[in-house]
Amino acid sequence: MGSPRHGPIRAGSVFIGGYPEGKDDVDSRFQIDGDQLGEYFGASIACMDLDGDG
């Protein structure tokens, strides 16, 4: 999932995770952060396969 204004300087972040079987929420396993103010890192990566069908 992408969060283009996440973080203290609003640089943005991308969260990589999964939807574990038997759980009702997404499990965030890894986070990548942008490093420039106003970078909007993660704006173009905002999709996730929530139901595991590929």
C-alpha atoms as a PDB file:
ATOM      1  CA  MET A   1       0.000   0.000   0.000  1.00  0.00           C
ATOM      2  CA  GLY A   2       1.189   3.511  -0.669  1.00  0.00           C
ATOM      3  CA  SER A   3       0.810   6.445   1.691  1.00  0.00           C
ATOM      4  CA  PRO A   4       2.161   9.479  -0.197  1.00  0.00           C
ATOM      5  CA  ARG A   5       2.130  11.905   2.773  1.00  0.00           C
ATOM      6  CA  HIS A   6       3.170   9.540   5.579  1.00  0.00           C
ATOM      7  CA  GLY A   7       5.891  10.365   8.070  1.00  0.00           C
ATOM      8  CA  PRO A   8       7.170  13.385   9.978  1.00  0.00           C
ATOM      9  CA  ILE A   9       8.332  15.271   6.864  1.00  0.00           C
ATOM     10  CA  ARG A  10       5.417  14.063   4.697  1.00  0.00           C
ATOM     11  CA  ALA A  11       7.785  12.373   2.226  1.00  0.00           C
ATOM     12  CA  GLY A  12       5.582   9.277   1.899  1.00  0.00           C
ATOM     13  CA  SER A  13       5.919   5.563   2.539  1.00  0.00           C
ATOM     14  CA  VAL A  14       5.171   2.208   0.955  1.00  0.00           C
ATOM     15  CA  PHE A  15       3.979  -0.662   3.147  1.00  0.00           C
ATOM     16  CA  ILE A  16       4.390  -4.246   1.981  1.00  0.00           C
ATOM     17  CA  GLY A  17       2.255  -6.776   3.750  1.00  0.00           C
ATOM     18  CA  GLY A  18      -0.213  -9.550   3.444  1.00  0.00           C
ATOM     19  CA  TYR A  19      -3.661 -10.664   4.411  1.00  0.00           C
ATOM     20  CA  PRO A  20      -3.037 -13.726   6.590  1.00  0.00           C
ATOM     21  CA  GLU A  21      -5.560 -16.524   6.406  1.00  0.00           C
ATOM     22  CA  GLY A  22      -8.023 -16.371   9.274  1.00  0.00           C
ATOM     23  CA  LYS A  23      -7.327 -12.709  10.118  1.00  0.00           C
ATOM     24  CA  ASP A  24      -9.570  -9.730   9.413  1.00  0.00           C
ATOM     25  CA  ASP A  25      -6.838  -7.129   8.952  1.00  0.00           C
ATOM     26  CA  VAL A  26      -3.750  -6.535   6.829  1.00  0.00           C
ATOM     27  CA  ASP A  27      -0.390  -7.534   8.311  1.00  0.00           C
ATOM     28  CA  SER A  28       2.267  -4.916   7.469  1.00  0.00           C
ATOM     29  CA  ARG A  29       5.620  -6.707   7.167  1.00  0.00           C
ATOM     30  CA  PHE A  30       7.936  -4.124   5.621  1.00  0.00           C
ATOM     31  CA  GLN A  31       8.031  -0.338   5.224  1.00  0.00           C
ATOM     32  CA  ILE A  32      10.008   1.793   2.754  1.00  0.00           C
ATOM     33  CA  ASP A  33      10.132   5.553   3.438  1.00  0.00           C
ATOM     34  CA  GLY A  34      10.765   8.471   1.128  1.00  0.00           C
ATOM     35  CA  ASP A  35      13.485  10.914   2.132  1.00  0.00           C
ATOM     36  CA  GLN A  36      12.595  14.274   0.547  1.00  0.00           C
ATOM     37  CA  LEU A  37      10.003  16.756   1.769  1.00  0.00           C
ATOM     38  CA  GLY A  38       6.985  16.674  -0.541  1.00  0.00           C
ATOM     39  CA  GLU A  39       8.301  13.682  -2.486  1.00  0.00           C
ATOM     40  CA  TYR A  40       4.916  11.888  -2.399  1.00  0.00           C
ATOM     41  CA  PHE A  41       6.750   8.561  -2.326  1.00  0.00           C
ATOM     42  CA  GLY A  42       4.169   5.802  -2.631  1.00  0.00           C
ATOM     43  CA  ALA A  43       1.667   7.817  -4.671  1.00  0.00           C
ATOM     44  CA  SER A  44       1.899   5.502  -7.670  1.00  0.00           C
ATOM     45  CA  ILE A  45       1.992   2.276  -5.632  1.00  0.00           C
ATOM     46  CA  ALA A  46      -1.400   2.081  -3.985  1.00  0.00           C
ATOM     47  CA  CYS A  47      -2.767  -1.397  -4.633  1.00  0.00           C
ATOM     48  CA  MET A  48      -2.867  -4.670  -2.768  1.00  0.00           C
ATOM     49  CA  ASP A  49      -4.324  -8.122  -3.298  1.00  0.00           C
ATOM     50  CA  LEU A  50      -6.462  -8.286  -0.147  1.00  0.00           C
ATOM     51  CA  ASP A  51      -8.242 -11.555  -0.851  1.00  0.00           C
ATOM     52  CA  GLY A  52      -5.193 -13.523  -2.032  1.00  0.00           C
ATOM     53  CA  ASP A  53      -6.567 -14.432  -5.456  1.00  0.00           C
ATOM     54  CA  GLY A  54      -3.478 -13.152  -7.252  1.00  0.00           C
END
